[in-house]
C-alpha atoms as a PDB file:
ATOM      1  CA  MET A   1      -2.451  14.439 -11.144  1.00  0.00           C
ATOM      2  CA  LYS A   2      -2.419  11.492 -13.138  1.00  0.00           C
ATOM      3  CA  ILE A   3      -1.106   8.405 -10.517  1.00  0.00           C
ATOM      4  CA  ALA A   4      -0.345   5.068 -11.994  1.00  0.00           C
ATOM      5  CA  VAL A   5      -0.271   2.251  -8.962  1.00  0.00           C
ATOM      6  CA  THR A   6       1.684  -0.893  -9.807  1.00  0.00           C
ATOM      7  CA  GLY A   7       1.780  -3.840  -7.687  1.00  0.00           C
ATOM      8  CA  SER A   8      -0.304  -6.839  -6.952  1.00  0.00           C
ATOM      9  CA  ILE A   9      -4.170  -7.612  -7.584  1.00  0.00           C
ATOM     10  CA  ALA A  10      -5.500 -10.448  -5.342  1.00  0.00           C
ATOM     11  CA  THR A  11      -8.317 -11.924  -3.432  1.00  0.00           C
ATOM     12  CA  ASP A  12      -8.052 -12.109   0.222  1.00  0.00           C
ATOM     13  CA  HIS A  13      -9.154 -15.274   2.321  1.00  0.00           C
ATOM     14  CA  LEU A  14      -9.250 -13.757   5.686  1.00  0.00           C
ATOM     15  CA  MET A  15      -9.432 -15.948   8.915  1.00  0.00           C
ATOM     16  CA  HIS A  16      -9.653 -15.218  12.645  1.00  0.00           C
ATOM     17  CA  PHE A  17      -8.186 -17.208  15.304  1.00  0.00           C
ATOM     18  CA  PRO A  18      -9.661 -16.629  18.659  1.00  0.00           C
ATOM     19  CA  GLY A  19      -6.341 -17.112  20.542  1.00  0.00           C
ATOM     20  CA  ARG A  20      -2.802 -15.883  20.497  1.00  0.00           C
ATOM     21  CA  PHE A  21       0.000 -17.224  18.475  1.00  0.00           C
ATOM     22  CA  ALA A  22       2.282 -16.451  20.878  1.00  0.00           C
ATOM     23  CA  ASP A  23       0.896 -18.943  23.042  1.00  0.00           C
ATOM     24  CA  GLN A  24       1.300 -21.438  20.686  1.00  0.00           C
ATOM     25  CA  LEU A  25       4.817 -20.945  19.418  1.00  0.00           C
ATOM     26  CA  LEU A  26       7.697 -22.714  21.716  1.00  0.00           C
ATOM     27  CA  ALA A  27      10.679 -20.607  21.396  1.00  0.00           C
ATOM     28  CA  ASP A  28      13.070 -23.846  21.675  1.00  0.00           C
ATOM     29  CA  GLN A  29      10.963 -25.807  18.987  1.00  0.00           C
ATOM     30  CA  LEU A  30      10.739 -23.061  16.096  1.00  0.00           C
ATOM     31  CA  ASP A  31      12.776 -25.368  13.955  1.00  0.00           C
ATOM     32  CA  LYS A  32      10.224 -28.008  14.170  1.00  0.00           C
ATOM     33  CA  VAL A  33       7.061 -25.927  13.946  1.00  0.00           C
ATOM     34  CA  SER A  34       4.021 -27.872  12.701  1.00  0.00           C
ATOM     35  CA  LEU A  35       0.882 -26.191  13.569  1.00  0.00           C
ATOM     36  CA  SER A  36      -2.550 -26.092  12.658  1.00  0.00           C
ATOM     37  CA  PHE A  37      -5.171 -23.407  13.802  1.00  0.00           C
ATOM     38  CA  LEU A  38      -8.596 -23.855  14.106  1.00  0.00           C
ATOM     39  CA  VAL A  39     -10.251 -20.689  13.010  1.00  0.00           C
ATOM     40  CA  ASP A  40     -13.833 -19.235  13.754  1.00  0.00           C
ATOM     41  CA  ASP A  41     -14.389 -17.004  10.805  1.00  0.00           C
ATOM     42  CA  LEU A  42     -13.398 -17.109   6.993  1.00  0.00           C
ATOM     43  CA  VAL A  43     -14.273 -13.974   4.841  1.00  0.00           C
ATOM     44  CA  LEU A  44     -13.112 -13.662   1.175  1.00  0.00           C
ATOM     45  CA  ARG A  45     -12.415  -9.891   0.225  1.00  0.00           C
ATOM     46  CA  ARG A  46     -11.075  -8.020  -2.591  1.00  0.00           C
ATOM     47  CA  GLY A  47      -7.341  -7.395  -1.935  1.00  0.00           C
ATOM     48  CA  GLY A  48      -3.899  -6.785  -3.325  1.00  0.00           C
ATOM     49  CA  VAL A  49      -1.504  -3.957  -2.579  1.00  0.00           C
ATOM     50  CA  ALA A  50      -2.057  -1.988  -5.874  1.00  0.00           C
ATOM     51  CA  ALA A  51      -6.005  -2.619  -5.853  1.00  0.00           C
ATOM     52  CA  ASN A  52      -6.365  -1.574  -2.482  1.00  0.00           C
ATOM     53  CA  ILE A  53      -4.104   1.490  -2.847  1.00  0.00           C
ATOM     54  CA  ALA A  54      -6.304   2.471  -5.953  1.00  0.00           C
ATOM     55  CA  PHE A  55      -9.608   2.040  -4.205  1.00  0.00           C
ATOM     56  CA  GLY A  56      -8.703   4.235  -1.221  1.00  0.00           C
ATOM     57  CA  MET A  57      -7.536   6.871  -3.521  1.00  0.00           C
ATOM     58  CA  ALA A  58     -10.563   6.680  -5.696  1.00  0.00           C
ATOM     59  CA  GLN A  59     -12.748   7.080  -2.438  1.00  0.00           C
ATOM     60  CA  LEU A  60     -11.028  10.275  -2.346  1.00  0.00           C
ATOM     61  CA  GLY A  61     -12.257  11.472  -5.697  1.00  0.00           C
ATOM     62  CA  LEU A  62      -9.235  10.448  -7.720  1.00  0.00           C
ATOM     63  CA  ARG A  63      -9.314   8.246 -10.906  1.00  0.00           C
ATOM     64  CA  PRO A  64      -6.147   6.292 -10.081  1.00  0.00           C
ATOM     65  CA  ILE A  65      -4.634   4.136 -12.945  1.00  0.00           C
ATOM     66  CA  LEU A  66      -4.376   0.389 -11.746  1.00  0.00           C
ATOM     67  CA  LEU A  67      -1.394  -1.604 -13.311  1.00  0.00           C
ATOM     68  CA  GLY A  68      -0.969  -5.198 -12.561  1.00  0.00           C
ATOM     69  CA  ALA A  69      -1.396  -8.609 -13.749  1.00  0.00           C
ATOM     70  CA  VAL A  70      -4.667 -10.923 -13.151  1.00  0.00           C
ATOM     71  CA  GLY A  71      -6.233 -13.861 -14.350  1.00  0.00           C
ATOM     72  CA  ALA A  72      -9.399 -14.404 -16.356  1.00  0.00           C
ATOM     73  CA  ASP A  73     -11.125 -14.761 -13.061  1.00  0.00           C
ATOM     74  CA  PHE A  74     -11.052 -10.888 -12.722  1.00  0.00           C
ATOM     75  CA  ALA A  75     -14.148  -9.710 -14.319  1.00  0.00           C
ATOM     76  CA  ASP A  76     -16.163  -9.307 -11.452  1.00  0.00           C
ATOM     77  CA  TYR A  77     -13.450  -7.618  -9.487  1.00  0.00           C
ATOM     78  CA  ARG A  78     -12.827  -5.231 -12.183  1.00  0.00           C
ATOM     79  CA  SER A  79     -16.423  -4.360 -12.479  1.00  0.00           C
ATOM     80  CA  TRP A  80     -16.442  -3.401  -8.697  1.00  0.00           C
ATOM     81  CA  LEU A  81     -13.150  -1.389  -9.059  1.00  0.00           C
ATOM     82  CA  GLU A  82     -14.273   0.639 -12.146  1.00  0.00           C
ATOM     83  CA  ARG A  83     -17.697   1.230 -10.447  1.00  0.00           C
ATOM     84  CA  HIS A  84     -15.883   2.993  -7.653  1.00  0.00           C
ATOM     85  CA  GLY A  85     -13.841   5.032  -9.839  1.00  0.00           C
ATOM     86  CA  VAL A  86     -10.497   3.060 -10.513  1.00  0.00           C
ATOM     87  CA  ASP A  87      -9.071   2.943 -14.218  1.00  0.00           C
ATOM     88  CA  CYS A  88      -8.860  -0.633 -15.032  1.00  0.00           C
ATOM     89  CA  ASP A  89      -7.946  -0.263 -18.548  1.00  0.00           C
ATOM     90  CA  SER A  90      -4.390  -1.183 -18.731  1.00  0.00           C
ATOM     91  CA  VAL A  91      -4.609  -4.306 -16.439  1.00  0.00           C
ATOM     92  CA  HIS A  92      -2.882  -7.068 -18.187  1.00  0.00           C
ATOM     93  CA  VAL A  93      -4.972 -10.497 -18.009  1.00  0.00           C
ATOM     94  CA  SER A  94      -3.199 -13.681 -18.158  1.00  0.00           C
ATOM     95  CA  GLU A  95      -4.458 -16.396 -20.693  1.00  0.00           C
ATOM     96  CA  VAL A  96      -3.100 -19.084 -18.412  1.00  0.00           C
ATOM     97  CA  ALA A  97      -3.169 -17.947 -14.403  1.00  0.00           C
ATOM     98  CA  HIS A  98      -5.444 -17.312 -11.956  1.00  0.00           C
ATOM     99  CA  THR A  99      -5.466 -14.048 -10.000  1.00  0.00           C
ATOM    100  CA  ALA A 100      -3.113 -13.980  -7.161  1.00  0.00           C
ATOM    101  CA  ARG A 101      -4.504 -15.400  -3.754  1.00  0.00           C
ATOM    102  CA  PHE A 102      -3.699 -13.891  -0.145  1.00  0.00           C
ATOM    103  CA  VAL A 103      -4.350 -16.284   3.056  1.00  0.00           C
ATOM    104  CA  CYS A 104      -4.257 -14.708   6.458  1.00  0.00           C
ATOM    105  CA  THR A 105      -5.113 -15.536   9.758  1.00  0.00           C
ATOM    106  CA  THR A 106      -5.254 -13.025  12.486  1.00  0.00           C
ATOM    107  CA  ASP A 107      -5.252 -13.639  16.145  1.00  0.00           C
ATOM    108  CA  LEU A 108      -6.554 -11.678  19.268  1.00  0.00           C
ATOM    109  CA  ASP A 109      -3.545  -9.583  19.322  1.00  0.00           C
ATOM    110  CA  MET A 110      -3.840  -8.281  15.692  1.00  0.00           C
ATOM    111  CA  CYS A 111      -0.691 -10.549  14.801  1.00  0.00           C
ATOM    112  CA  GLN A 112      -0.832 -12.272  11.405  1.00  0.00           C
ATOM    113  CA  ILE A 113       0.335 -15.445   9.943  1.00  0.00           C
ATOM    114  CA  ALA A 114      -0.183 -15.403   5.963  1.00  0.00           C
ATOM    115  CA  SER A 115       0.822 -16.851   2.765  1.00  0.00           C
ATOM    116  CA  PHE A 116       0.580 -15.440  -0.694  1.00  0.00           C
ATOM    117  CA  TYR A 117       0.161 -17.281  -4.061  1.00  0.00           C
ATOM    118  CA  ALA A 118       1.553 -15.142  -6.963  1.00  0.00           C
ATOM    119  CA  GLY A 119      -0.426 -16.961  -9.860  1.00  0.00           C
ATOM    120  CA  ALA A 120      -1.002 -14.180 -13.149  1.00  0.00           C
ATOM    121  CA  MET A 121       1.355 -11.425 -10.816  1.00  0.00           C
ATOM    122  CA  SER A 122       4.412 -13.017 -12.210  1.00  0.00           C
ATOM    123  CA  GLU A 123       3.391 -11.677 -15.743  1.00  0.00           C
ATOM    124  CA  ALA A 124       3.371  -8.262 -14.430  1.00  0.00           C
ATOM    125  CA  ARG A 125       7.049  -8.020 -15.782  1.00  0.00           C
ATOM    126  CA  ASN A 126       5.756  -7.846 -19.103  1.00  0.00           C
ATOM    127  CA  ILE A 127       3.868  -4.501 -18.414  1.00  0.00           C
ATOM    128  CA  GLU A 128       5.345  -1.425 -19.971  1.00  0.00           C
ATOM    129  CA  LEU A 129       4.515   2.121 -18.446  1.00  0.00           C
ATOM    130  CA  ALA A 130       5.226   4.147 -21.761  1.00  0.00           C
ATOM    131  CA  PRO A 131       1.998   2.932 -23.385  1.00  0.00           C
ATOM    132  CA  VAL A 132      -0.102   3.747 -20.420  1.00  0.00           C
ATOM    133  CA  ALA A 133       1.306   7.237 -20.432  1.00  0.00           C
ATOM    134  CA  ASP A 134       0.739   7.665 -23.923  1.00  0.00           C
ATOM    135  CA  ARG A 135      -3.114   6.526 -23.451  1.00  0.00           C
ATOM    136  CA  VAL A 136      -3.834   8.932 -20.434  1.00  0.00           C
ATOM    137  CA  GLY A 137      -1.615  11.882 -21.759  1.00  0.00           C
ATOM    138  CA  GLY A 138       1.211  11.527 -19.271  1.00  0.00           C
ATOM    139  CA  LEU A 139       1.905  10.187 -15.686  1.00  0.00           C
ATOM    140  CA  ASP A 140       2.810  12.654 -12.926  1.00  0.00           C
ATOM    141  CA  LEU A 141       3.670   9.728 -10.488  1.00  0.00           C
ATOM    142  CA  VAL A 142       4.431   6.075 -10.517  1.00  0.00           C
ATOM    143  CA  LEU A 143       3.687   3.924  -7.314  1.00  0.00           C
ATOM    144  CA  VAL A 144       5.951   0.926  -7.456  1.00  0.00           C
ATOM    145  CA  SER A 145       4.213  -1.245  -4.768  1.00  0.00           C
ATOM    146  CA  ALA A 146       4.758  -4.953  -3.981  1.00  0.00           C
ATOM    147  CA  ASN A 147       4.464  -6.780  -7.272  1.00  0.00           C
ATOM    148  CA  ASP A 148       6.611  -9.688  -9.173  1.00  0.00           C
ATOM    149  CA  PRO A 149      10.114  -8.584  -8.168  1.00  0.00           C
ATOM    150  CA  ALA A 150      11.142  -8.366 -11.534  1.00  0.00           C
ATOM    151  CA  ALA A 151       8.310  -6.184 -12.609  1.00  0.00           C
ATOM    152  CA  MET A 152       9.228  -3.584  -9.703  1.00  0.00           C
ATOM    153  CA  LEU A 153      12.743  -3.449 -10.851  1.00  0.00           C
ATOM    154  CA  ARG A 154      11.443  -2.832 -14.458  1.00  0.00           C
ATOM    155  CA  HIS A 155       9.046  -0.294 -13.510  1.00  0.00           C
ATOM    156  CA  SER A 156      11.611   1.662 -11.181  1.00  0.00           C
ATOM    157  CA  ALA A 157      14.348   1.379 -14.345  1.00  0.00           C
ATOM    158  CA  GLU A 158      11.503   2.796 -16.711  1.00  0.00           C
ATOM    159  CA  CYS A 159      10.588   5.495 -14.625  1.00  0.00           C
ATOM    160  CA  ARG A 160      14.426   6.593 -14.346  1.00  0.00           C
ATOM    161  CA  GLU A 161      14.731   6.140 -17.848  1.00  0.00           C
ATOM    162  CA  ARG A 162      11.539   7.982 -19.223  1.00  0.00           C
ATOM    163  CA  GLY A 163      11.646  10.802 -16.501  1.00  0.00           C
ATOM    164  CA  TYR A 164       8.619   9.697 -14.463  1.00  0.00           C
ATOM    165  CA  ALA A 165       8.494  10.650 -11.071  1.00  0.00           C
ATOM    166  CA  PHE A 166       7.908   7.401  -8.884  1.00  0.00           C
ATOM    167  CA  ALA A 167       7.354   6.419  -5.217  1.00  0.00           C
ATOM    168  CA  ALA A 168       9.031   3.026  -3.914  1.00  0.00           C
ATOM    169  CA  ASP A 169       7.114   0.938  -1.868  1.00  0.00           C
ATOM    170  CA  PRO A 170       8.774  -2.498  -1.648  1.00  0.00           C
ATOM    171  CA  SER A 171       6.796  -3.924   1.195  1.00  0.00           C
ATOM    172  CA  GLN A 172       6.921  -7.791   1.600  1.00  0.00           C
ATOM    173  CA  GLN A 173       9.053  -8.072  -1.437  1.00  0.00           C
ATOM    174  CA  LEU A 174      12.155  -6.970   0.409  1.00  0.00           C
ATOM    175  CA  ALA A 175      12.580 -10.592   1.554  1.00  0.00           C
ATOM    176  CA  ARG A 176      13.124 -11.687  -1.999  1.00  0.00           C
ATOM    177  CA  MET A 177      15.338  -9.139  -2.988  1.00  0.00           C
ATOM    178  CA  ASP A 178      19.233  -8.612  -2.488  1.00  0.00           C
ATOM    179  CA  GLY A 179      20.928  -5.593  -1.905  1.00  0.00           C
ATOM    180  CA  SER A 180      21.794  -4.472  -5.592  1.00  0.00           C
ATOM    181  CA  ASP A 181      18.140  -5.012  -6.425  1.00  0.00           C
ATOM    182  CA  VAL A 182      16.936  -2.902  -3.579  1.00  0.00           C
ATOM    183  CA  VAL A 183      19.284  -0.131  -4.594  1.00  0.00           C
ATOM    184  CA  GLY A 184      17.880  -0.503  -8.085  1.00  0.00           C
ATOM    185  CA  LEU A 185      14.324  -0.477  -6.916  1.00  0.00           C
ATOM    186  CA  ILE A 186      14.756   2.834  -4.864  1.00  0.00           C
ATOM    187  CA  ASP A 187      17.469   4.819  -6.578  1.00  0.00           C
ATOM    188  CA  GLY A 188      15.882   8.195  -7.771  1.00  0.00           C
ATOM    189  CA  ALA A 189      12.623   7.806  -6.198  1.00  0.00           C
ATOM    190  CA  GLU A 190      10.461  10.855  -4.817  1.00  0.00           C
ATOM    191  CA  TYR A 191       9.200   8.983  -1.960  1.00  0.00           C
ATOM    192  CA  LEU A 192      10.282   5.959  -0.380  1.00  0.00           C
ATOM    193  CA  MET A 193       7.393   4.108   1.636  1.00  0.00           C
ATOM    194  CA  THR A 194       8.104   1.374   4.093  1.00  0.00           C
ATOM    195  CA  ASN A 195       7.125   0.288   7.707  1.00  0.00           C
ATOM    196  CA  GLU A 196       9.594   0.893  10.689  1.00  0.00           C
ATOM    197  CA  TYR A 197      10.829  -2.999  10.279  1.00  0.00           C
ATOM    198  CA  GLU A 198      11.061  -2.912   6.240  1.00  0.00           C
ATOM    199  CA  LYS A 199      13.024   0.282   6.528  1.00  0.00           C
ATOM    200  CA  SER A 200      15.894  -1.517   8.779  1.00  0.00           C
ATOM    201  CA  LEU A 201      15.793  -4.674   6.441  1.00  0.00           C
ATOM    202  CA  LEU A 202      16.109  -2.396   3.320  1.00  0.00           C
ATOM    203  CA  GLN A 203      18.998  -0.793   4.900  1.00  0.00           C
ATOM    204  CA  SER A 204      20.737  -3.573   6.127  1.00  0.00           C
ATOM    205  CA  LYS A 205      20.400  -5.492   2.710  1.00  0.00           C
ATOM    206  CA  ALA A 206      21.625  -2.491   0.808  1.00  0.00           C
ATOM    207  CA  GLY A 207      24.395  -1.124   3.309  1.00  0.00           C
ATOM    208  CA  LEU A 208      22.823   2.231   3.606  1.00  0.00           C
ATOM    209  CA  THR A 209      22.777   4.773   6.681  1.00  0.00           C
ATOM    210  CA  ASP A 210      20.242   7.285   7.179  1.00  0.00           C
ATOM    211  CA  ALA A 211      22.152   9.962   5.539  1.00  0.00           C
ATOM    212  CA  GLN A 212      22.865   7.670   2.624  1.00  0.00           C
ATOM    213  CA  LEU A 213      19.366   6.736   1.842  1.00  0.00           C
ATOM    214  CA  LEU A 214      18.143  10.224   1.676  1.00  0.00           C
ATOM    215  CA  GLU A 215      20.949  10.380  -1.083  1.00  0.00           C
ATOM    216  CA  ARG A 216      19.018   7.718  -2.877  1.00  0.00           C
ATOM    217  CA  VAL A 217      15.555   9.098  -2.396  1.00  0.00           C
ATOM    218  CA  LYS A 218      13.994  12.419  -1.751  1.00  0.00           C
ATOM    219  CA  VAL A 219      11.443  11.844   0.952  1.00  0.00           C
ATOM    220  CA  ARG A 220      11.347   8.771   3.421  1.00  0.00           C
ATOM    221  CA  VAL A 221       8.116   8.087   4.819  1.00  0.00           C
ATOM    222  CA  THR A 222       8.178   5.376   7.556  1.00  0.00           C
ATOM    223  CA  THR A 223       5.136   4.046   9.248  1.00  0.00           C
ATOM    224  CA  LEU A 224       5.300   3.274  12.791  1.00  0.00           C
ATOM    225  CA  GLY A 225       2.036   1.381  13.749  1.00  0.00           C
ATOM    226  CA  LYS A 226       0.795   2.854  17.017  1.00  0.00           C
ATOM    227  CA  ASP A 227       3.655   5.765  17.097  1.00  0.00           C
ATOM    228  CA  GLY A 228       2.241   7.213  13.883  1.00  0.00           C
ATOM    229  CA  VAL A 229       4.582   8.023  10.749  1.00  0.00           C
ATOM    230  CA  GLU A 230       7.958   9.569  10.657  1.00  0.00           C
ATOM    231  CA  ILE A 231       8.597  11.683   7.444  1.00  0.00           C
ATOM    232  CA  ALA A 232      12.599  12.750   6.612  1.00  0.00           C
ATOM    233  CA  GLY A 233      13.702  14.710   3.780  1.00  0.00           C
ATOM    234  CA  ARG A 234      16.960  16.498   2.137  1.00  0.00           C
ATOM    235  CA  ASP A 235      15.576  19.616   2.660  1.00  0.00           C
ATOM    236  CA  PHE A 236      13.496  19.738   5.853  1.00  0.00           C
ATOM    237  CA  ALA A 237      14.074  18.426   9.400  1.00  0.00           C
ATOM    238  CA  THR A 238      12.493  14.852  10.140  1.00  0.00           C
ATOM    239  CA  PHE A 239       9.021  15.293  11.997  1.00  0.00           C
ATOM    240  CA  ARG A 240       6.439  12.573  12.963  1.00  0.00           C
ATOM    241  CA  VAL A 241       2.506  12.741  12.642  1.00  0.00           C
ATOM    242  CA  PRO A 242       0.467  10.848  15.217  1.00  0.00           C
ATOM    243  CA  ILE A 243      -1.983   7.961  14.388  1.00  0.00           C
ATOM    244  CA  ALA A 244      -6.037   9.227  13.841  1.00  0.00           C
ATOM    245  CA  ARG A 245      -8.115   8.279  16.582  1.00  0.00           C
ATOM    246  CA  GLU A 246      -9.923   5.018  15.966  1.00  0.00           C
ATOM    247  CA  ILE A 247     -13.437   3.726  16.879  1.00  0.00           C
ATOM    248  CA  GLU A 248     -12.842   0.049  17.327  1.00  0.00           C
ATOM    249  CA  ALA A 249      -9.808  -1.939  15.612  1.00  0.00           C
ATOM    250  CA  THR A 250     -11.533  -5.004  13.782  1.00  0.00           C
ATOM    251  CA  ASP A 251      -8.878  -6.221  11.495  1.00  0.00           C
ATOM    252  CA  PRO A 252      -5.417  -4.764  10.206  1.00  0.00           C
ATOM    253  CA  THR A 253      -5.339  -6.265   6.828  1.00  0.00           C
ATOM    254  CA  GLY A 254      -4.612  -3.492   4.024  1.00  0.00           C
ATOM    255  CA  VAL A 255      -3.950  -0.649   6.940  1.00  0.00           C
ATOM    256  CA  GLY A 256      -0.440   0.263   5.282  1.00  0.00           C
ATOM    257  CA  ASP A 257      -2.262   0.105   1.886  1.00  0.00           C
ATOM    258  CA  GLY A 258      -5.057   2.727   3.231  1.00  0.00           C
ATOM    259  CA  PHE A 259      -2.163   5.047   4.353  1.00  0.00           C
ATOM    260  CA  ARG A 260      -0.525   5.260   0.918  1.00  0.00           C
ATOM    261  CA  ALA A 261      -3.853   5.661  -0.689  1.00  0.00           C
ATOM    262  CA  GLY A 262      -4.556   8.869   1.448  1.00  0.00           C
ATOM    263  CA  PHE A 263      -0.809  10.234   1.557  1.00  0.00           C
ATOM    264  CA  LEU A 264      -0.778  10.113  -2.323  1.00  0.00           C
ATOM    265  CA  ALA A 265      -4.407  11.550  -2.733  1.00  0.00           C
ATOM    266  CA  ALA A 266      -3.479  14.681  -0.535  1.00  0.00           C
ATOM    267  CA  LEU A 267      -0.226  14.989  -2.666  1.00  0.00           C
ATOM    268  CA  SER A 268      -2.257  15.069  -5.432  1.00  0.00           C
ATOM    269  CA  TRP A 269      -4.520  18.027  -4.357  1.00  0.00           C
ATOM    270  CA  GLY A 270      -1.383  19.828  -3.577  1.00  0.00           C
ATOM    271  CA  LEU A 271      -1.230  19.749   0.187  1.00  0.00           C
ATOM    272  CA  GLY A 272       2.179  19.309   2.060  1.00  0.00           C
ATOM    273  CA  LEU A 273       3.752  16.168   3.609  1.00  0.00           C
ATOM    274  CA  GLU A 274       1.871  16.573   7.223  1.00  0.00           C
ATOM    275  CA  ARG A 275      -1.518  16.921   5.928  1.00  0.00           C
ATOM    276  CA  ALA A 276      -0.914  13.984   3.565  1.00  0.00           C
ATOM    277  CA  ALA A 277       0.272  12.018   6.352  1.00  0.00           C
ATOM    278  CA  GLN A 278      -2.653  12.806   8.314  1.00  0.00           C
ATOM    279  CA  VAL A 279      -5.223  12.174   5.232  1.00  0.00           C
ATOM    280  CA  GLY A 280      -3.394   8.807   5.019  1.00  0.00           C
ATOM    281  CA  SER A 281      -3.697   7.750   8.931  1.00  0.00           C
ATOM    282  CA  LEU A 282      -7.161   8.376   8.764  1.00  0.00           C
ATOM    283  CA  ILE A 283      -7.817   6.462   5.728  1.00  0.00           C
ATOM    284  CA  ALA A 284      -5.712   3.690   7.305  1.00  0.00           C
ATOM    285  CA  THR A 285      -8.092   4.109  10.458  1.00  0.00           C
ATOM    286  CA  HIS A 286     -10.883   3.311   8.142  1.00  0.00           C
ATOM    287  CA  VAL A 287      -9.414   0.329   6.928  1.00  0.00           C
ATOM    288  CA  LEU A 288      -8.491  -1.153  10.507  1.00  0.00           C
ATOM    289  CA  GLU A 289     -11.927  -0.623  11.443  1.00  0.00           C
ATOM    290  CA  THR A 290     -13.429  -2.816   9.046  1.00  0.00           C
ATOM    291  CA  VAL A 291     -13.013  -6.552   7.601  1.00  0.00           C
ATOM    292  CA  GLY A 292     -11.100  -6.370   4.412  1.00  0.00           C
ATOM    293  CA  PRO A 293      -9.182  -3.709   2.801  1.00  0.00           C
ATOM    294  CA  GLN A 294     -11.848  -2.477   0.301  1.00  0.00           C
ATOM    295  CA  GLU A 295     -14.889  -2.595   2.648  1.00  0.00           C
ATOM    296  CA  TYR A 296     -15.140   1.019   4.151  1.00  0.00           C
ATOM    297  CA  GLU A 297     -16.523   4.133   2.440  1.00  0.00           C
ATOM    298  CA  VAL A 298     -15.397   7.680   2.637  1.00  0.00           C
ATOM    299  CA  ARG A 299     -18.454  10.029   3.684  1.00  0.00           C
ATOM    300  CA  SER A 300     -17.189  13.567   3.261  1.00  0.00           C
ATOM    301  CA  ASP A 301     -18.853  15.244   6.115  1.00  0.00           C
ATOM    302  CA  LEU A 302     -17.904  12.385   8.686  1.00  0.00           C
ATOM    303  CA  PHE A 303     -14.242  12.305   7.052  1.00  0.00           C
ATOM    304  CA  ILE A 304     -13.849  16.157   7.764  1.00  0.00           C
ATOM    305  CA  LYS A 305     -15.326  15.654  11.173  1.00  0.00           C
ATOM    306  CA  ARG A 306     -13.010  13.021  12.217  1.00  0.00           C
ATOM    307  CA  MET A 307      -9.991  14.817  10.854  1.00  0.00           C
ATOM    308  CA  ALA A 308     -10.850  17.627  13.056  1.00  0.00           C
ATOM    309  CA  GLU A 309     -11.153  15.235  15.993  1.00  0.00           C
ATOM    310  CA  SER A 310      -7.906  13.907  15.188  1.00  0.00           C
ATOM    311  CA  TYR A 311      -5.693  16.944  14.074  1.00  0.00           C
ATOM    312  CA  GLY A 312      -7.505  20.145  14.669  1.00  0.00           C
ATOM    313  CA  GLY A 313      -9.858  22.278  12.759  1.00  0.00           C
ATOM    314  CA  GLU A 314      -7.207  23.744  10.507  1.00  0.00           C
ATOM    315  CA  ALA A 315      -6.488  20.272   9.255  1.00  0.00           C
ATOM    316  CA  ALA A 316      -9.987  19.502   8.529  1.00  0.00           C
ATOM    317  CA  GLU A 317     -10.507  23.116   6.468  1.00  0.00           C
ATOM    318  CA  ASP A 318      -7.532  22.342   4.263  1.00  0.00           C
ATOM    319  CA  ILE A 319      -8.916  19.120   3.152  1.00  0.00           C
ATOM    320  CA  ARG A 320     -12.760  20.345   2.860  1.00  0.00           C
ATOM    321  CA  PRO A 321     -12.337  21.598  -0.840  1.00  0.00           C
ATOM    322  CA  TYR A 322     -11.096  18.383  -2.224  1.00  0.00           C
ATOM    323  CA  LEU A 323     -13.755  16.214  -0.571  1.00  0.00           C
ATOM    324  CA  ASN A 324     -16.841  18.368  -2.082  1.00  0.00           C
ATOM    325  CA  ALA A 325     -18.462  18.605   1.305  1.00  0.00           C
END
């Protein structure tokens, strides 16, 4: 299955605050916030939604096609991704801007305060999907994830025009979109992927009920944090899949990207939605247990063992053939 992953490619600057943001924010002073947090750790990691998802898919044996815009400073990052199995031949390199930057501080409660500098990402709107499809011999699925908003709308529109199946994953860019843009992004998608808050925001902006949402997309996949993931569709009853067992939570950055990587990989194997959500949840747990969204490694034998511990022996045996264990 040939999957193109469109979205942001960035460098993550991750910091740790040894306290709780909630203790520093005064409810009656939020209109005057002026705070500085003394952090006790700073790490630089490779990131960006699309790059994180593509990396995770490659960890599971796929060769995803990464589509996004970067700066001339992308050379080392490109080498890393290609070394781990990601096709970067269609990444657009800006002649004037730097690769995007994500700056994030995490507190003891795993709450986060972050900023994002778009940089070269604004040029993603110039990327066309058809030449990519021609290069690789067709596309089975296009993931339209958080990116330059104009690029996201262009990619969804081109998918509808050319008949490419696509998954819509608006993520943090929902805040930049109005109702008509939201509908333009998701309309006709095979899958809509959000967290619980994003789903509510999307429906509020677009003016859609749950039933109306499923008239626009075939399958809705909503992550619920510690409560797992909920999957709804037109032709089956809504169901939930619990989270995978974790060893020790370290950093939540990129956890949602990990889920999407595992979910899409399992779909490409031909597995059903429940198994896909389970594989996604286990990849998300791998991300949670490391600092940085691309610092984990999928070891086939251990992955299958942890799959059995979280979801039972049948689930583990279903994924075994695809991990070459």
